[in-house]
C-alpha atoms as a PDB file:
ATOM      1  CA  MET A   1      20.299 -61.804  58.425  1.00  0.00           C
ATOM      2  CA  VAL A   2      17.137 -59.953  59.349  1.00  0.00           C
ATOM      3  CA  PRO A   3      14.274 -59.562  56.866  1.00  0.00           C
ATOM      4  CA  LYS A   4      14.078 -55.948  55.676  1.00  0.00           C
ATOM      5  CA  THR A   5      10.342 -55.342  55.961  1.00  0.00           C
ATOM      6  CA  PRO A   6       7.493 -56.764  58.030  1.00  0.00           C
ATOM      7  CA  MET A   7       6.197 -58.379  54.817  1.00  0.00           C
ATOM      8  CA  GLU A   8       9.325 -60.542  54.788  1.00  0.00           C
ATOM      9  CA  ILE A   9       8.861 -62.255  58.143  1.00  0.00           C
ATOM     10  CA  PRO A  10      10.219 -65.769  57.571  1.00  0.00           C
ATOM     11  CA  ASP A  11       8.044 -68.848  57.841  1.00  0.00           C
ATOM     12  CA  LEU A  12      11.052 -70.761  59.160  1.00  0.00           C
ATOM     13  CA  VAL A  13      14.523 -69.859  60.450  1.00  0.00           C
ATOM     14  CA  LEU A  14      17.287 -72.475  60.458  1.00  0.00           C
ATOM     15  CA  ASP A  15      20.691 -71.817  61.990  1.00  0.00           C
ATOM     16  CA  PHE A  16      23.612 -74.222  61.663  1.00  0.00           C
ATOM     17  CA  ILE A  17      27.250 -74.160  62.753  1.00  0.00           C
ATOM     18  CA  ILE A  18      29.292 -77.002  61.330  1.00  0.00           C
ATOM     19  CA  PRO A  19      32.958 -77.954  61.054  1.00  0.00           C
ATOM     20  CA  ALA A  20      34.303 -77.233  57.562  1.00  0.00           C
ATOM     21  CA  THR A  21      34.378 -80.857  56.429  1.00  0.00           C
ATOM     22  CA  ASN A  22      32.750 -82.745  53.571  1.00  0.00           C
ATOM     23  CA  LEU A  23      30.900 -85.034  55.999  1.00  0.00           C
ATOM     24  CA  ALA A  24      29.461 -82.088  57.959  1.00  0.00           C
ATOM     25  CA  VAL A  25      28.320 -80.465  54.699  1.00  0.00           C
ATOM     26  CA  ARG A  26      26.511 -83.663  53.656  1.00  0.00           C
ATOM     27  CA  ARG A  27      24.792 -83.862  57.054  1.00  0.00           C
ATOM     28  CA  LEU A  28      23.758 -80.194  56.930  1.00  0.00           C
ATOM     29  CA  LEU A  29      22.309 -80.597  53.439  1.00  0.00           C
ATOM     30  CA  HIS A  30      20.370 -83.679  54.528  1.00  0.00           C
ATOM     31  CA  GLY A  31      18.928 -81.855  57.547  1.00  0.00           C
ATOM     32  CA  LEU A  32      18.051 -78.825  55.441  1.00  0.00           C
ATOM     33  CA  HIS A  33      16.397 -81.059  52.841  1.00  0.00           C
ATOM     34  CA  LEU A  34      14.170 -82.687  55.458  1.00  0.00           C
ATOM     35  CA  SER A  35      13.356 -79.366  57.151  1.00  0.00           C
ATOM     36  CA  LEU A  36      12.309 -77.685  53.920  1.00  0.00           C
ATOM     37  CA  LEU A  37      10.150 -80.614  52.816  1.00  0.00           C
ATOM     38  CA  SER A  38       8.456 -80.824  56.213  1.00  0.00           C
ATOM     39  CA  ASN A  39       7.657 -77.106  55.994  1.00  0.00           C
ATOM     40  CA  GLY A  40       5.826 -77.379  52.686  1.00  0.00           C
ATOM     41  CA  VAL A  41       8.569 -76.433  50.224  1.00  0.00           C
ATOM     42  CA  ALA A  42       7.989 -78.211  46.907  1.00  0.00           C
ATOM     43  CA  GLN A  43      10.415 -81.001  46.004  1.00  0.00           C
ATOM     44  CA  PRO A  44      11.818 -79.191  42.917  1.00  0.00           C
ATOM     45  CA  ASP A  45      12.571 -76.098  45.030  1.00  0.00           C
ATOM     46  CA  VAL A  46      14.236 -78.236  47.702  1.00  0.00           C
ATOM     47  CA  GLU A  47      16.414 -79.875  45.047  1.00  0.00           C
ATOM     48  CA  HIS A  48      17.258 -76.490  43.520  1.00  0.00           C
ATOM     49  CA  THR A  49      18.275 -75.176  46.956  1.00  0.00           C
ATOM     50  CA  GLU A  50      20.292 -78.265  47.731  1.00  0.00           C
ATOM     51  CA  LEU A  51      22.198 -77.990  44.437  1.00  0.00           C
ATOM     52  CA  VAL A  52      23.138 -74.340  45.061  1.00  0.00           C
ATOM     53  CA  LEU A  53      24.140 -74.845  48.683  1.00  0.00           C
ATOM     54  CA  ALA A  54      26.069 -78.047  47.961  1.00  0.00           C
ATOM     55  CA  GLU A  55      28.196 -76.143  45.443  1.00  0.00           C
ATOM     56  CA  VAL A  56      28.717 -73.172  47.776  1.00  0.00           C
ATOM     57  CA  LEU A  57      29.476 -75.223  50.895  1.00  0.00           C
ATOM     58  CA  ASN A  58      31.809 -77.605  49.091  1.00  0.00           C
ATOM     59  CA  ASN A  59      33.650 -74.619  47.610  1.00  0.00           C
ATOM     60  CA  ILE A  60      34.103 -73.201  51.112  1.00  0.00           C
ATOM     61  CA  VAL A  61      35.549 -76.505  52.349  1.00  0.00           C
ATOM     62  CA  GLU A  62      37.758 -77.002  49.278  1.00  0.00           C
ATOM     63  CA  HIS A  63      38.960 -73.435  48.718  1.00  0.00           C
ATOM     64  CA  ALA A  64      38.529 -71.246  51.807  1.00  0.00           C
ATOM     65  CA  TYR A  65      39.930 -73.977  54.042  1.00  0.00           C
ATOM     66  CA  ALA A  66      42.357 -75.528  51.547  1.00  0.00           C
ATOM     67  CA  ASP A  67      45.453 -74.507  53.540  1.00  0.00           C
ATOM     68  CA  ARG A  68      43.864 -74.560  56.992  1.00  0.00           C
ATOM     69  CA  GLN A  69      43.351 -77.572  59.186  1.00  0.00           C
ATOM     70  CA  ARG A  70      40.391 -76.411  61.237  1.00  0.00           C
ATOM     71  CA  GLY A  71      37.486 -74.105  60.781  1.00  0.00           C
ATOM     72  CA  SER A  72      33.748 -73.783  60.815  1.00  0.00           C
ATOM     73  CA  ILE A  73      30.892 -72.634  58.623  1.00  0.00           C
ATOM     74  CA  THR A  74      27.857 -70.823  60.001  1.00  0.00           C
ATOM     75  CA  MET A  75      24.639 -70.839  58.009  1.00  0.00           C
ATOM     76  CA  SER A  76      21.454 -68.928  58.718  1.00  0.00           C
ATOM     77  CA  ALA A  77      18.538 -69.690  56.398  1.00  0.00           C
ATOM     78  CA  HIS A  78      15.246 -67.799  56.355  1.00  0.00           C
ATOM     79  CA  LEU A  79      12.372 -69.384  54.470  1.00  0.00           C
ATOM     80  CA  LEU A  80      10.350 -66.590  52.884  1.00  0.00           C
ATOM     81  CA  GLN A  81       7.236 -66.895  50.741  1.00  0.00           C
ATOM     82  CA  HIS A  82       9.164 -66.247  47.525  1.00  0.00           C
ATOM     83  CA  ALA A  83      12.693 -67.436  48.358  1.00  0.00           C
ATOM     84  CA  LEU A  84      15.143 -68.956  50.791  1.00  0.00           C
ATOM     85  CA  ALA A  85      17.486 -66.225  52.049  1.00  0.00           C
ATOM     86  CA  VAL A  86      20.806 -67.674  53.225  1.00  0.00           C
ATOM     87  CA  GLU A  87      23.812 -66.119  54.935  1.00  0.00           C
ATOM     88  CA  LEU A  88      27.020 -68.136  55.187  1.00  0.00           C
ATOM     89  CA  THR A  89      30.072 -67.097  57.179  1.00  0.00           C
ATOM     90  CA  ASP A  90      33.441 -68.750  57.585  1.00  0.00           C
ATOM     91  CA  ASN A  91      36.908 -67.810  58.774  1.00  0.00           C
ATOM     92  CA  GLY A  92      38.746 -69.344  55.843  1.00  0.00           C
ATOM     93  CA  ALA A  93      40.891 -67.650  53.237  1.00  0.00           C
ATOM     94  CA  PRO A  94      39.273 -64.703  51.445  1.00  0.00           C
ATOM     95  CA  MET A  95      38.066 -64.709  47.866  1.00  0.00           C
ATOM     96  CA  PRO A  96      40.691 -63.491  45.393  1.00  0.00           C
ATOM     97  CA  LYS A  97      40.968 -59.689  45.658  1.00  0.00           C
ATOM     98  CA  ASN A  98      38.308 -59.841  48.422  1.00  0.00           C
ATOM     99  CA  HIS A  99      35.355 -60.068  46.035  1.00  0.00           C
ATOM    100  CA  LEU A 100      33.479 -62.570  43.911  1.00  0.00           C
ATOM    101  CA  PRO A 101      35.280 -63.293  40.657  1.00  0.00           C
ATOM    102  CA  VAL A 102      33.645 -61.749  37.628  1.00  0.00           C
ATOM    103  CA  GLY A 103      32.230 -64.420  35.414  1.00  0.00           C
ATOM    104  CA  GLU A 104      29.959 -64.732  32.459  1.00  0.00           C
ATOM    105  CA  HIS A 105      26.321 -65.077  33.336  1.00  0.00           C
ATOM    106  CA  ILE A 106      24.802 -68.211  31.889  1.00  0.00           C
ATOM    107  CA  SER A 107      21.128 -68.487  31.114  1.00  0.00           C
ATOM    108  CA  LYS A 108      19.043 -70.214  33.766  1.00  0.00           C
ATOM    109  CA  PRO A 109      19.106 -73.910  32.851  1.00  0.00           C
ATOM    110  CA  ALA A 110      16.535 -76.483  33.897  1.00  0.00           C
ATOM    111  CA  ILE A 111      17.790 -78.149  37.083  1.00  0.00           C
ATOM    112  CA  TYR A 112      17.660 -81.610  35.512  1.00  0.00           C
ATOM    113  CA  ASP A 113      19.769 -80.519  32.521  1.00  0.00           C
ATOM    114  CA  LEU A 114      22.819 -79.606  34.620  1.00  0.00           C
ATOM    115  CA  PRO A 115      25.833 -81.905  34.357  1.00  0.00           C
ATOM    116  CA  GLU A 116      27.709 -82.608  37.574  1.00  0.00           C
ATOM    117  CA  GLY A 117      30.641 -80.262  38.120  1.00  0.00           C
ATOM    118  CA  GLY A 118      32.227 -77.696  35.868  1.00  0.00           C
ATOM    119  CA  PHE A 119      29.907 -74.761  36.526  1.00  0.00           C
ATOM    120  CA  GLY A 120      30.875 -73.510  39.976  1.00  0.00           C
ATOM    121  CA  LEU A 121      30.202 -69.837  40.484  1.00  0.00           C
ATOM    122  CA  GLN A 122      28.453 -69.459  37.126  1.00  0.00           C
ATOM    123  CA  MET A 123      25.946 -72.130  38.084  1.00  0.00           C
ATOM    124  CA  ILE A 124      25.380 -70.513  41.479  1.00  0.00           C
ATOM    125  CA  ARG A 125      24.756 -67.137  39.820  1.00  0.00           C
ATOM    126  CA  ALA A 126      22.328 -68.671  37.332  1.00  0.00           C
ATOM    127  CA  LEU A 127      20.275 -70.380  40.038  1.00  0.00           C
ATOM    128  CA  THR A 128      20.030 -67.488  42.509  1.00  0.00           C
ATOM    129  CA  GLU A 129      18.334 -64.089  42.605  1.00  0.00           C
ATOM    130  CA  LYS A 130      20.958 -62.506  44.818  1.00  0.00           C
ATOM    131  CA  LEU A 131      24.600 -63.336  45.469  1.00  0.00           C
ATOM    132  CA  ASP A 132      26.772 -60.990  47.517  1.00  0.00           C
ATOM    133  CA  TYR A 133      30.184 -61.487  49.116  1.00  0.00           C
ATOM    134  CA  GLU A 134      32.110 -59.404  51.601  1.00  0.00           C
ATOM    135  CA  ARG A 135      35.226 -59.895  53.662  1.00  0.00           C
ATOM    136  CA  ASP A 136      34.622 -58.698  57.217  1.00  0.00           C
ATOM    137  CA  GLY A 137      37.878 -58.761  59.166  1.00  0.00           C
ATOM    138  CA  GLU A 138      38.883 -62.417  59.250  1.00  0.00           C
ATOM    139  CA  HIS A 139      35.499 -63.685  58.037  1.00  0.00           C
ATOM    140  CA  ASN A 140      33.910 -64.323  54.669  1.00  0.00           C
ATOM    141  CA  ARG A 141      30.205 -63.514  54.414  1.00  0.00           C
ATOM    142  CA  LEU A 142      28.153 -64.761  51.489  1.00  0.00           C
ATOM    143  CA  THR A 143      24.472 -63.876  51.169  1.00  0.00           C
ATOM    144  CA  ILE A 144      22.313 -65.767  48.725  1.00  0.00           C
ATOM    145  CA  GLN A 145      18.684 -65.616  47.784  1.00  0.00           C
ATOM    146  CA  ILE A 146      17.363 -68.782  46.147  1.00  0.00           C
ATOM    147  CA  PRO A 147      13.954 -68.327  44.503  1.00  0.00           C
ATOM    148  CA  ARG A 148      10.979 -70.559  45.218  1.00  0.00           C
ATOM    149  CA  THR A 149       9.282 -71.348  41.964  1.00  0.00           C
ATOM    150  CA  GLN A 150       6.672 -73.864  43.110  1.00  0.00           C
ATOM    151  CA  GLY A 151       4.329 -73.832  46.042  1.00  0.00           C
ATOM    152  CA  ALA A 152       5.250 -70.289  47.044  1.00  0.00           C
ATOM    153  CA  MET A 153       2.415 -68.432  48.662  1.00  0.00           C
ATOM    154  CA  CYS A 154       1.699 -65.098  46.986  1.00  0.00           C
END
């Protein structure tokens, strides 16, 4: 994922390749959490990012790799002034009909008002500015843009 204009040069680039397991997801999220905090991202934005990516990554492990024994997830994250741009790829099963399911858009809730579970893709859509999926050969590619609401430099 390359920023589109010179104005979007990332402050930080993080690349991860992990096995598609729950333990690897937890470790990735912990490392990302620490990296974002140490690079000046406000705590609420780190928590917001962690919530979105936990849901996405766990869905990849649970659904894309449900019938497969081995696989990996690649994540590239670019910290921009206004957002965290993330690209995730995996070689698991494709989304139904090779695209994101259509779902109702829910209004953007306060992060602390969200119950655990039950929202899935709707929650991800509500907490992101951009969410795109494509099937490229044997790979799934999901691009996400998670807004920074606090501490972003304008």
